[in-house]
Protein backbone atom coordinates (compact mmCIF):
# COMPACT_ATOMS: atom_id res chain seq x y z
CA MET A 1 -100.25 43.56 46.55
CA ILE A 2 -97.60 42.40 44.13
CA LEU A 3 -95.17 39.50 44.31
CA ARG A 4 -91.44 39.51 45.07
CA CYS A 5 -89.11 36.61 44.41
CA GLU A 6 -87.55 35.46 47.69
CA ALA A 7 -84.39 34.36 45.85
CA CYS A 8 -83.52 37.40 43.70
CA ALA A 9 -85.96 40.12 44.94
CA THR A 10 -87.45 40.70 41.47
CA LEU A 11 -90.88 42.37 41.68
CA LEU A 12 -93.62 40.59 39.72
CA ALA A 13 -97.21 41.13 38.65
CA PRO A 14 -99.88 39.57 40.93
CA GLU A 15 -100.77 36.85 38.39
CA ASP A 16 -97.20 35.52 37.97
CA THR A 17 -96.53 32.07 39.38
CA VAL A 18 -92.75 31.90 38.91
CA CYS A 19 -90.01 34.52 38.86
CA THR A 20 -89.47 35.90 35.37
CA SER A 21 -85.82 36.54 36.23
CA CYS A 22 -84.55 33.37 37.94
CA GLY A 23 -87.43 30.91 37.40
CA ARG A 24 -87.96 30.07 41.06
CA ASP A 25 -91.45 29.75 42.54
CA GLU A 26 -90.74 30.98 46.08
CA LEU A 27 -92.72 34.22 45.93
CA GLU A 28 -93.95 36.49 48.69
CA ARG A 29 -96.64 39.17 48.62
CA VAL A 30 -95.49 42.75 49.23
CA ARG A 31 -97.43 46.00 49.36
CA ALA A 32 -97.41 48.19 46.25
CA ALA A 33 -97.88 51.97 46.28
CA GLY A 34 -101.01 51.59 44.12
CA THR A 35 -99.87 54.11 41.52
CA GLY A 36 -98.64 53.77 37.97
CA THR A 37 -98.92 54.96 34.38
CA VAL A 38 -100.86 53.62 31.38
CA VAL A 39 -98.74 51.60 28.94
CA SER A 40 -101.56 50.68 26.56
CA TRP A 41 -105.36 50.69 26.49
CA THR A 42 -108.38 49.74 24.40
CA VAL A 43 -112.12 50.32 24.63
CA VAL A 44 -114.39 47.26 24.46
CA ASP A 45 -118.13 46.75 24.75
CA CYS A 46 -119.20 45.21 28.07
CA SER A 47 -122.58 44.14 29.38
CA SER A 48 -124.13 46.46 31.93
CA ALA A 49 -125.62 45.41 35.25
CA ASP A 50 -127.88 48.48 35.13
CA LEU A 51 -129.15 48.10 31.55
CA ARG A 52 -130.30 44.61 30.60
CA LEU A 53 -129.18 43.52 27.13
CA ALA A 54 -127.22 46.77 26.65
CA LEU A 55 -123.53 47.13 25.96
CA VAL A 56 -121.50 49.98 27.39
CA PRO A 57 -117.92 51.03 26.55
CA CYS A 58 -115.29 49.86 29.05
CA THR A 59 -111.59 50.71 29.00
CA LEU A 60 -109.13 47.84 29.46
CA ALA A 61 -105.52 48.83 30.08
CA ILE A 62 -102.03 47.75 30.94
CA VAL A 63 -100.69 49.87 33.80
CA GLU A 64 -97.02 49.94 34.73
CA LEU A 65 -96.88 50.14 38.51
CA ASP A 66 -94.37 52.59 39.98
CA GLU A 67 -92.51 49.53 41.30
CA GLY A 68 -92.10 48.18 37.72
CA PRO A 69 -94.47 45.26 37.10
CA TRP A 70 -97.22 45.64 34.50
CA ILE A 71 -100.78 44.64 35.39
CA TYR A 72 -103.95 44.24 33.34
CA THR A 73 -106.81 46.32 34.69
CA TRP A 74 -109.85 48.51 33.98
CA ILE A 75 -109.69 52.30 33.80
CA GLU A 76 -112.45 54.08 35.71
CA GLY A 77 -113.44 57.47 34.34
CA GLU A 78 -111.38 59.38 31.80
CA LEU A 79 -108.02 58.35 30.41
CA PRO A 80 -105.15 60.66 31.33
CA VAL A 81 -104.59 63.48 28.84
CA HIS A 82 -100.82 63.09 29.17
CA PRO A 83 -99.47 59.52 28.93
CA ASP A 84 -97.13 60.04 31.89
CA ARG A 85 -99.94 61.23 34.19
CA SER A 86 -100.06 59.07 37.30
CA MET A 87 -103.01 56.75 37.93
CA ARG A 88 -104.11 55.46 41.36
CA VAL A 89 -105.70 52.13 42.10
CA GLU A 90 -109.21 52.01 43.56
CA PHE A 91 -111.15 48.92 44.54
CA LEU A 92 -114.71 48.35 43.33
CA GLN A 93 -117.15 45.89 44.86
CA ALA A 94 -118.56 43.28 42.46
CA GLU A 95 -122.03 41.76 42.84
CA SER A 96 -120.36 38.54 44.01
CA GLY A 97 -118.87 40.43 46.96
CA GLU A 98 -115.34 40.31 45.56
CA ARG A 99 -113.31 43.48 45.27
CA PHE A 100 -111.29 44.13 42.15
CA PRO A 101 -108.76 46.84 41.26
CA VAL A 102 -109.43 49.60 38.73
CA PHE A 103 -107.29 52.65 38.04
CA ALA A 104 -108.38 56.29 37.86
CA VAL A 105 -106.50 59.48 37.04
CA GLN A 106 -104.85 60.71 40.21
CA GLN A 107 -106.07 64.13 41.31
CA VAL A 108 -103.34 66.73 41.59
CA CYS A 109 -103.62 68.90 44.71
CA GLN A 110 -102.30 72.44 44.43
CA GLU A 111 -101.09 74.29 47.46
CA VAL A 112 -102.78 77.58 48.26
CA SER A 113 -100.36 80.26 49.40
């Protein structure tokens, strides 16, 4: 879900609290397609739930949603080889029971003739 300003219809990232276009705070949640492309990324060391006291590489990224807003997220699996390759959101379950979005390279299906 992303946010849309009720006054000017600007689409906003989920963490925005006011419209970046008109400054109003009347925002409504709207469904996003769940796809986008990587704008920027970095690899950081994160603690692992599976390996106590071990650090594992994790990829943090900024993904531009197809609707326009940019969101901060994790990349699951490999980064796309081509920067314009579409990514799709997936939701992972955290130990706390919360679900959080991560992006993965979207599989391309080829038609068989």
